[in-house]
Amino acid sequence: MGKVEKKPEELMEQKEKKDLNEIFESLDGLLEKMEGEESLEKSFAIYQKAVSLLKEANESIDQIEKQVKLLDSEQKGGLDA
């Protein structure tokens, strides 16, 4: 009863998320593609992918920041006790 089962959509979300290094590598690749692209439509499609990756990176960074703040507050709380 103490074990919490994850929902299938939560499991899929975890599998789909890339780590920050993968995201930045993908962004580098997209930048190279965009620099050589002459078609405005294709450049815009690449841009849309890049924006999506940037949002994913931002969410990941926000999550890490929350974890750091939590650990920091727990450490400070433990020192005061």
PDB file of N, CA and C in Angstrom:
ATOM      1  N   MET A   1       0.817  -1.201   0.000  1.00  0.00           N
ATOM      2  CA  MET A   1       0.000   0.000   0.000  1.00  0.00           C
ATOM      3  C   MET A   1       0.857   1.259   0.000  1.00  0.00           C
ATOM      4  N   GLY A   2       2.079   1.181   0.513  1.00  0.00           N
ATOM      5  CA  GLY A   2       2.953   2.330   0.562  1.00  0.00           C
ATOM      6  C   GLY A   2       3.546   2.697  -0.785  1.00  0.00           C
ATOM      7  N   LYS A   3       3.559   1.735  -1.727  1.00  0.00           N
ATOM      8  CA  LYS A   3       4.154   1.984  -3.034  1.00  0.00           C
ATOM      9  C   LYS A   3       3.137   2.659  -3.950  1.00  0.00           C
ATOM     10  N   VAL A   4       3.543   3.746  -4.562  1.00  0.00           N
ATOM     11  CA  VAL A   4       2.660   4.492  -5.455  1.00  0.00           C
ATOM     12  C   VAL A   4       2.991   4.105  -6.891  1.00  0.00           C
ATOM     13  N   GLU A   5       1.982   3.630  -7.593  1.00  0.00           N
ATOM     14  CA  GLU A   5       2.161   3.269  -9.003  1.00  0.00           C
ATOM     15  C   GLU A   5       2.055   4.520  -9.852  1.00  0.00           C
ATOM     16  N   LYS A   6       2.916   4.619 -10.838  1.00  0.00           N
ATOM     17  CA  LYS A   6       2.864   5.756 -11.754  1.00  0.00           C
ATOM     18  C   LYS A   6       1.868   5.464 -12.872  1.00  0.00           C
ATOM     19  N   LYS A   7       1.202   6.501 -13.303  1.00  0.00           N
ATOM     20  CA  LYS A   7       0.260   6.387 -14.408  1.00  0.00           C
ATOM     21  C   LYS A   7       1.039   6.216 -15.703  1.00  0.00           C
ATOM     22  N   PRO A   8       0.455   5.536 -16.694  1.00  0.00           N
ATOM     23  CA  PRO A   8       1.157   5.338 -17.969  1.00  0.00           C
ATOM     24  C   PRO A   8       1.626   6.636 -18.615  1.00  0.00           C
ATOM     25  N   GLU A   9       0.822   7.694 -18.512  1.00  0.00           N
ATOM     26  CA  GLU A   9       1.231   8.961 -19.130  1.00  0.00           C
ATOM     27  C   GLU A   9       2.437   9.565 -18.412  1.00  0.00           C
ATOM     28  N   GLU A  10       2.555   9.329 -17.093  1.00  0.00           N
ATOM     29  CA  GLU A  10       3.731   9.811 -16.366  1.00  0.00           C
ATOM     30  C   GLU A  10       4.972   9.045 -16.796  1.00  0.00           C
ATOM     31  N   LEU A  11       4.830   7.743 -17.001  1.00  0.00           N
ATOM     32  CA  LEU A  11       5.956   6.937 -17.454  1.00  0.00           C
ATOM     33  C   LEU A  11       6.394   7.361 -18.843  1.00  0.00           C
ATOM     34  N   MET A  12       5.435   7.618 -19.735  1.00  0.00           N
ATOM     35  CA  MET A  12       5.766   8.048 -21.099  1.00  0.00           C
ATOM     36  C   MET A  12       6.466   9.394 -21.063  1.00  0.00           C
ATOM     37  N   GLU A  13       5.994  10.297 -20.205  1.00  0.00           N
ATOM     38  CA  GLU A  13       6.589  11.631 -20.121  1.00  0.00           C
ATOM     39  C   GLU A  13       8.045  11.533 -19.692  1.00  0.00           C
ATOM     40  N   GLN A  14       8.340  10.643 -18.745  1.00  0.00           N
ATOM     41  CA  GLN A  14       9.711  10.487 -18.288  1.00  0.00           C
ATOM     42  C   GLN A  14      10.590   9.943 -19.395  1.00  0.00           C
ATOM     43  N   LYS A  15      10.088   8.999 -20.190  1.00  0.00           N
ATOM     44  CA  LYS A  15      10.882   8.406 -21.257  1.00  0.00           C
ATOM     45  C   LYS A  15      11.140   9.404 -22.377  1.00  0.00           C
ATOM     46  N   GLU A  16      10.177  10.286 -22.623  1.00  0.00           N
ATOM     47  CA  GLU A  16      10.302  11.241 -23.722  1.00  0.00           C
ATOM     48  C   GLU A  16      11.262  12.374 -23.394  1.00  0.00           C
ATOM     49  N   LYS A  17      11.422  12.691 -22.129  1.00  0.00           N
ATOM     50  CA  LYS A  17      12.283  13.808 -21.758  1.00  0.00           C
ATOM     51  C   LYS A  17      13.737  13.455 -21.985  1.00  0.00           C
ATOM     52  N   LYS A  18      14.440  14.387 -22.596  1.00  0.00           N
ATOM     53  CA  LYS A  18      15.870  14.238 -22.842  1.00  0.00           C
ATOM     54  C   LYS A  18      16.611  14.937 -21.728  1.00  0.00           C
ATOM     55  N   ASP A  19      17.860  14.534 -21.513  1.00  0.00           N
ATOM     56  CA  ASP A  19      18.633  15.296 -20.543  1.00  0.00           C
ATOM     57  C   ASP A  19      19.140  16.568 -21.226  1.00  0.00           C
ATOM     58  N   LEU A  20      19.638  17.481 -20.418  1.00  0.00           N
ATOM     59  CA  LEU A  20      20.024  18.797 -20.947  1.00  0.00           C
ATOM     60  C   LEU A  20      21.109  18.699 -22.013  1.00  0.00           C
ATOM     61  N   ASN A  21      22.065  17.802 -21.837  1.00  0.00           N
ATOM     62  CA  ASN A  21      23.117  17.662 -22.848  1.00  0.00           C
ATOM     63  C   ASN A  21      22.533  17.260 -24.200  1.00  0.00           C
ATOM     64  N   GLU A  22      21.578  16.332 -24.185  1.00  0.00           N
ATOM     65  CA  GLU A  22      20.939  15.909 -25.439  1.00  0.00           C
ATOM     66  C   GLU A  22      20.176  17.059 -26.073  1.00  0.00           C
ATOM     67  N   ILE A  23      19.496  17.826 -25.251  1.00  0.00           N
ATOM     68  CA  ILE A  23      18.737  18.970 -25.770  1.00  0.00           C
ATOM     69  C   ILE A  23      19.672  19.975 -26.426  1.00  0.00           C
ATOM     70  N   PHE A  24      20.783  20.298 -25.748  1.00  0.00           N
ATOM     71  CA  PHE A  24      21.711  21.282 -26.300  1.00  0.00           C
ATOM     72  C   PHE A  24      22.389  20.770 -27.575  1.00  0.00           C
ATOM     73  N   GLU A  25      22.673  19.479 -27.636  1.00  0.00           N
ATOM     74  CA  GLU A  25      23.235  18.897 -28.860  1.00  0.00           C
ATOM     75  C   GLU A  25      22.224  18.997 -30.001  1.00  0.00           C
ATOM     76  N   SER A  26      20.965  18.711 -29.697  1.00  0.00           N
ATOM     77  CA  SER A  26      19.919  18.823 -30.716  1.00  0.00           C
ATOM     78  C   SER A  26      19.778  20.258 -31.202  1.00  0.00           C
ATOM     79  N   LEU A  27      19.847  21.202 -30.262  1.00  0.00           N
ATOM     80  CA  LEU A  27      19.751  22.615 -30.638  1.00  0.00           C
ATOM     81  C   LEU A  27      20.920  23.025 -31.530  1.00  0.00           C
ATOM     82  N   ASP A  28      22.113  22.543 -31.221  1.00  0.00           N
ATOM     83  CA  ASP A  28      23.268  22.837 -32.072  1.00  0.00           C
ATOM     84  C   ASP A  28      23.045  22.317 -33.492  1.00  0.00           C
ATOM     85  N   GLY A  29      22.521  21.096 -33.585  1.00  0.00           N
ATOM     86  CA  GLY A  29      22.246  20.508 -34.898  1.00  0.00           C
ATOM     87  C   GLY A  29      21.198  21.299 -35.664  1.00  0.00           C
ATOM     88  N   LEU A  30      20.159  21.735 -34.954  1.00  0.00           N
ATOM     89  CA  LEU A  30      19.117  22.535 -35.603  1.00  0.00           C
ATOM     90  C   LEU A  30      19.664  23.882 -36.076  1.00  0.00           C
ATOM     91  N   LEU A  31      20.538  24.461 -35.292  1.00  0.00           N
ATOM     92  CA  LEU A  31      21.143  25.739 -35.689  1.00  0.00           C
ATOM     93  C   LEU A  31      21.945  25.582 -36.974  1.00  0.00           C
ATOM     94  N   GLU A  32      22.709  24.504 -37.056  1.00  0.00           N
ATOM     95  CA  GLU A  32      23.480  24.250 -38.277  1.00  0.00           C
ATOM     96  C   GLU A  32      22.557  24.053 -39.479  1.00  0.00           C
ATOM     97  N   LYS A  33      21.462  23.318 -39.267  1.00  0.00           N
ATOM     98  CA  LYS A  33      20.500  23.104 -40.361  1.00  0.00           C
ATOM     99  C   LYS A  33      19.893  24.431 -40.812  1.00  0.00           C
ATOM    100  N   MET A  34      19.539  25.253 -39.839  1.00  0.00           N
ATOM    101  CA  MET A  34      18.874  26.508 -40.165  1.00  0.00           C
ATOM    102  C   MET A  34      19.812  27.452 -40.915  1.00  0.00           C
ATOM    103  N   GLU A  35      21.081  27.453 -40.535  1.00  0.00           N
ATOM    104  CA  GLU A  35      22.042  28.341 -41.191  1.00  0.00           C
ATOM    105  C   GLU A  35      22.194  28.016 -42.676  1.00  0.00           C
ATOM    106  N   GLY A  36      22.065  26.751 -43.037  1.00  0.00           N
ATOM    107  CA  GLY A  36      22.231  26.359 -44.429  1.00  0.00           C
ATOM    108  C   GLY A  36      20.925  26.292 -45.202  1.00  0.00           C
ATOM    109  N   GLU A  37      19.815  26.558 -44.543  1.00  0.00           N
ATOM    110  CA  GLU A  37      18.508  26.415 -45.175  1.00  0.00           C
ATOM    111  C   GLU A  37      18.119  27.691 -45.914  1.00  0.00           C
ATOM    112  N   GLU A  38      17.684  27.523 -47.159  1.00  0.00           N
ATOM    113  CA  GLU A  38      17.257  28.669 -47.951  1.00  0.00           C
ATOM    114  C   GLU A  38      15.742  28.851 -47.928  1.00  0.00           C
ATOM    115  N   SER A  39      15.009  27.789 -47.652  1.00  0.00           N
ATOM    116  CA  SER A  39      13.556  27.847 -47.650  1.00  0.00           C
ATOM    117  C   SER A  39      13.048  28.447 -46.334  1.00  0.00           C
ATOM    118  N   LEU A  40      12.231  29.473 -46.443  1.00  0.00           N
ATOM    119  CA  LEU A  40      11.663  30.114 -45.260  1.00  0.00           C
ATOM    120  C   LEU A  40      10.777  29.137 -44.493  1.00  0.00           C
ATOM    121  N   GLU A  41      10.006  28.330 -45.215  1.00  0.00           N
ATOM    122  CA  GLU A  41       9.108  27.375 -44.574  1.00  0.00           C
ATOM    123  C   GLU A  41       9.888  26.344 -43.764  1.00  0.00           C
ATOM    124  N   LYS A  42      10.965  25.818 -44.351  1.00  0.00           N
ATOM    125  CA  LYS A  42      11.779  24.826 -43.647  1.00  0.00           C
ATOM    126  C   LYS A  42      12.509  25.470 -42.468  1.00  0.00           C
ATOM    127  N   SER A  43      12.974  26.685 -42.639  1.00  0.00           N
ATOM    128  CA  SER A  43      13.630  27.403 -41.538  1.00  0.00           C
ATOM    129  C   SER A  43      12.660  27.604 -40.381  1.00  0.00           C
ATOM    130  N   PHE A  44      11.426  27.928 -40.710  1.00  0.00           N
ATOM    131  CA  PHE A  44      10.428  28.139 -39.657  1.00  0.00           C
ATOM    132  C   PHE A  44      10.122  26.831 -38.941  1.00  0.00           C
ATOM    133  N   ALA A  45      10.052  25.724 -39.659  1.00  0.00           N
ATOM    134  CA  ALA A  45       9.815  24.416 -39.041  1.00  0.00           C
ATOM    135  C   ALA A  45      10.963  24.062 -38.091  1.00  0.00           C
ATOM    136  N   ILE A  46      12.179  24.351 -38.506  1.00  0.00           N
ATOM    137  CA  ILE A  46      13.348  24.104 -37.651  1.00  0.00           C
ATOM    138  C   ILE A  46      13.274  24.999 -36.411  1.00  0.00           C
ATOM    139  N   TYR A  47      12.884  26.235 -36.627  1.00  0.00           N
ATOM    140  CA  TYR A  47      12.744  27.184 -35.523  1.00  0.00           C
ATOM    141  C   TYR A  47      11.722  26.679 -34.507  1.00  0.00           C
ATOM    142  N   GLN A  48      10.593  26.158 -34.995  1.00  0.00           N
ATOM    143  CA  GLN A  48       9.560  25.632 -34.102  1.00  0.00           C
ATOM    144  C   GLN A  48      10.099  24.473 -33.261  1.00  0.00           C
ATOM    145  N   LYS A  49      10.876  23.592 -33.872  1.00  0.00           N
ATOM    146  CA  LYS A  49      11.478  22.480 -33.135  1.00  0.00           C
ATOM    147  C   LYS A  49      12.423  23.016 -32.064  1.00  0.00           C
ATOM    148  N   ALA A  50      13.193  24.036 -32.410  1.00  0.00           N
ATOM    149  CA  ALA A  50      14.144  24.625 -31.469  1.00  0.00           C
ATOM    150  C   ALA A  50      13.413  25.259 -30.282  1.00  0.00           C
ATOM    151  N   VAL A  51      12.332  25.950 -30.541  1.00  0.00           N
ATOM    152  CA  VAL A  51      11.552  26.564 -29.461  1.00  0.00           C
ATOM    153  C   VAL A  51      11.002  25.480 -28.531  1.00  0.00           C
ATOM    154  N   SER A  52      10.542  24.398 -29.104  1.00  0.00           N
ATOM    155  CA  SER A  52      10.039  23.281 -28.301  1.00  0.00           C
ATOM    156  C   SER A  52      11.140  22.709 -27.414  1.00  0.00           C
ATOM    157  N   LEU A  53      12.330  22.541 -27.978  1.00  0.00           N
ATOM    158  CA  LEU A  53      13.462  22.037 -27.194  1.00  0.00           C
ATOM    159  C   LEU A  53      13.863  23.018 -26.097  1.00  0.00           C
ATOM    160  N   LEU A  54      13.817  24.305 -26.399  1.00  0.00           N
ATOM    161  CA  LEU A  54      14.146  25.313 -25.390  1.00  0.00           C
ATOM    162  C   LEU A  54      13.149  25.277 -24.230  1.00  0.00           C
ATOM    163  N   LYS A  55      11.875  25.066 -24.539  1.00  0.00           N
ATOM    164  CA  LYS A  55      10.864  24.951 -23.481  1.00  0.00           C
ATOM    165  C   LYS A  55      11.155  23.731 -22.614  1.00  0.00           C
ATOM    166  N   GLU A  56      11.514  22.622 -23.256  1.00  0.00           N
ATOM    167  CA  GLU A  56      11.840  21.403 -22.530  1.00  0.00           C
ATOM    168  C   GLU A  56      13.059  21.624 -21.625  1.00  0.00           C
ATOM    169  N   ALA A  57      14.069  22.308 -22.149  1.00  0.00           N
ATOM    170  CA  ALA A  57      15.265  22.606 -21.354  1.00  0.00           C
ATOM    171  C   ALA A  57      14.905  23.496 -20.169  1.00  0.00           C
ATOM    172  N   ASN A  58      14.080  24.483 -20.403  1.00  0.00           N
ATOM    173  CA  ASN A  58      13.669  25.397 -19.342  1.00  0.00           C
ATOM    174  C   ASN A  58      12.914  24.663 -18.242  1.00  0.00           C
ATOM    175  N   GLU A  59      12.022  23.748 -18.635  1.00  0.00           N
ATOM    176  CA  GLU A  59      11.284  22.961 -17.647  1.00  0.00           C
ATOM    177  C   GLU A  59      12.239  22.102 -16.827  1.00  0.00           C
ATOM    178  N   SER A  60      13.211  21.521 -17.482  1.00  0.00           N
ATOM    179  CA  SER A  60      14.189  20.688 -16.797  1.00  0.00           C
ATOM    180  C   SER A  60      15.015  21.518 -15.817  1.00  0.00           C
ATOM    181  N   ILE A  61      15.451  22.682 -16.252  1.00  0.00           N
ATOM    182  CA  ILE A  61      16.227  23.574 -15.387  1.00  0.00           C
ATOM    183  C   ILE A  61      15.371  24.032 -14.205  1.00  0.00           C
ATOM    184  N   ASP A  62      14.104  24.357 -14.449  1.00  0.00           N
ATOM    185  CA  ASP A  62      13.208  24.765 -13.368  1.00  0.00           C
ATOM    186  C   ASP A  62      13.059  23.645 -12.337  1.00  0.00           C
ATOM    187  N   GLN A  63      12.918  22.410 -12.819  1.00  0.00           N
ATOM    188  CA  GLN A  63      12.771  21.262 -11.922  1.00  0.00           C
ATOM    189  C   GLN A  63      14.028  21.080 -11.065  1.00  0.00           C
ATOM    190  N   ILE A  64      15.180  21.202 -11.693  1.00  0.00           N
ATOM    191  CA  ILE A  64      16.443  21.074 -10.960  1.00  0.00           C
ATOM    192  C   ILE A  64      16.562  22.193  -9.928  1.00  0.00           C
ATOM    193  N   GLU A  65      16.178  23.402 -10.324  1.00  0.00           N
ATOM    194  CA  GLU A  65      16.248  24.532  -9.407  1.00  0.00           C
ATOM    195  C   GLU A  65      15.347  24.301  -8.185  1.00  0.00           C
ATOM    196  N   LYS A  66      14.152  23.757  -8.402  1.00  0.00           N
ATOM    197  CA  LYS A  66      13.245  23.456  -7.294  1.00  0.00           C
ATOM    198  C   LYS A  66      13.864  22.419  -6.359  1.00  0.00           C
ATOM    199  N   GLN A  67      14.501  21.405  -6.929  1.00  0.00           N
ATOM    200  CA  GLN A  67      15.135  20.373  -6.120  1.00  0.00           C
ATOM    201  C   GLN A  67      16.287  20.955  -5.303  1.00  0.00           C
ATOM    202  N   VAL A  68      17.067  21.843  -5.903  1.00  0.00           N
ATOM    203  CA  VAL A  68      18.180  22.472  -5.189  1.00  0.00           C
ATOM    204  C   VAL A  68      17.645  23.328  -4.036  1.00  0.00           C
ATOM    205  N   LYS A  69      16.593  24.094  -4.291  1.00  0.00           N
ATOM    206  CA  LYS A  69      16.008  24.924  -3.239  1.00  0.00           C
ATOM    207  C   LYS A  69      15.477  24.064  -2.103  1.00  0.00           C
ATOM    208  N   LEU A  70      14.839  22.941  -2.455  1.00  0.00           N
ATOM    209  CA  LEU A  70      14.313  22.039  -1.441  1.00  0.00           C
ATOM    210  C   LEU A  70      15.448  21.466  -0.593  1.00  0.00           C
ATOM    211  N   LEU A  71      16.507  21.007  -1.257  1.00  0.00           N
ATOM    212  CA  LEU A  71      17.657  20.467  -0.521  1.00  0.00           C
ATOM    213  C   LEU A  71      18.302  21.536   0.355  1.00  0.00           C
ATOM    214  N   ASP A  72      18.391  22.740  -0.178  1.00  0.00           N
ATOM    215  CA  ASP A  72      18.988  23.843   0.568  1.00  0.00           C
ATOM    216  C   ASP A  72      18.150  24.161   1.808  1.00  0.00           C
ATOM    217  N   SER A  73      16.845  24.203   1.645  1.00  0.00           N
ATOM    218  CA  SER A  73      15.976  24.511   2.792  1.00  0.00           C
ATOM    219  C   SER A  73      16.003  23.381   3.808  1.00  0.00           C
ATOM    220  N   GLU A  74      16.105  22.136   3.344  1.00  0.00           N
ATOM    221  CA  GLU A  74      16.191  21.001   4.270  1.00  0.00           C
ATOM    222  C   GLU A  74      17.513  21.065   5.041  1.00  0.00           C
ATOM    223  N   GLN A  75      18.586  21.418   4.340  1.00  0.00           N
ATOM    224  CA  GLN A  75      19.898  21.507   4.996  1.00  0.00           C
ATOM    225  C   GLN A  75      19.888  22.626   6.035  1.00  0.00           C
ATOM    226  N   LYS A  76      19.324  23.774   5.686  1.00  0.00           N
ATOM    227  CA  LYS A  76      19.265  24.889   6.626  1.00  0.00           C
ATOM    228  C   LYS A  76      18.375  24.546   7.811  1.00  0.00           C
ATOM    229  N   GLY A  77      17.279  23.840   7.543  1.00  0.00           N
ATOM    230  CA  GLY A  77      16.388  23.412   8.611  1.00  0.00           C
ATOM    231  C   GLY A  77      17.050  22.435   9.546  1.00  0.00           C
ATOM    232  N   GLY A  78      17.880  21.553   9.003  1.00  0.00           N
ATOM    233  CA  GLY A  78      18.595  20.591   9.814  1.00  0.00           C
ATOM    234  C   GLY A  78      19.672  21.231  10.661  1.00  0.00           C
ATOM    235  N   LEU A  79      20.246  22.321  10.187  1.00  0.00           N
ATOM    236  CA  LEU A  79      21.288  23.005  10.939  1.00  0.00           C
ATOM    237  C   LEU A  79      20.717  23.803  12.092  1.00  0.00           C
ATOM    238  N   ASP A  80      19.501  24.305  11.921  1.00  0.00           N
ATOM    239  CA  ASP A  80      18.866  25.106  12.972  1.00  0.00           C
ATOM    240  C   ASP A  80      18.357  24.246  14.116  1.00  0.00           C
ATOM    241  N   ALA A  81      18.060  23.010  13.858  1.00  0.00           N
ATOM    242  CA  ALA A  81      17.457  22.151  14.875  1.00  0.00           C
ATOM    243  C   ALA A  81      18.425  21.734  15.944  1.00  0.00           C
TER     244      ALA A  81
END
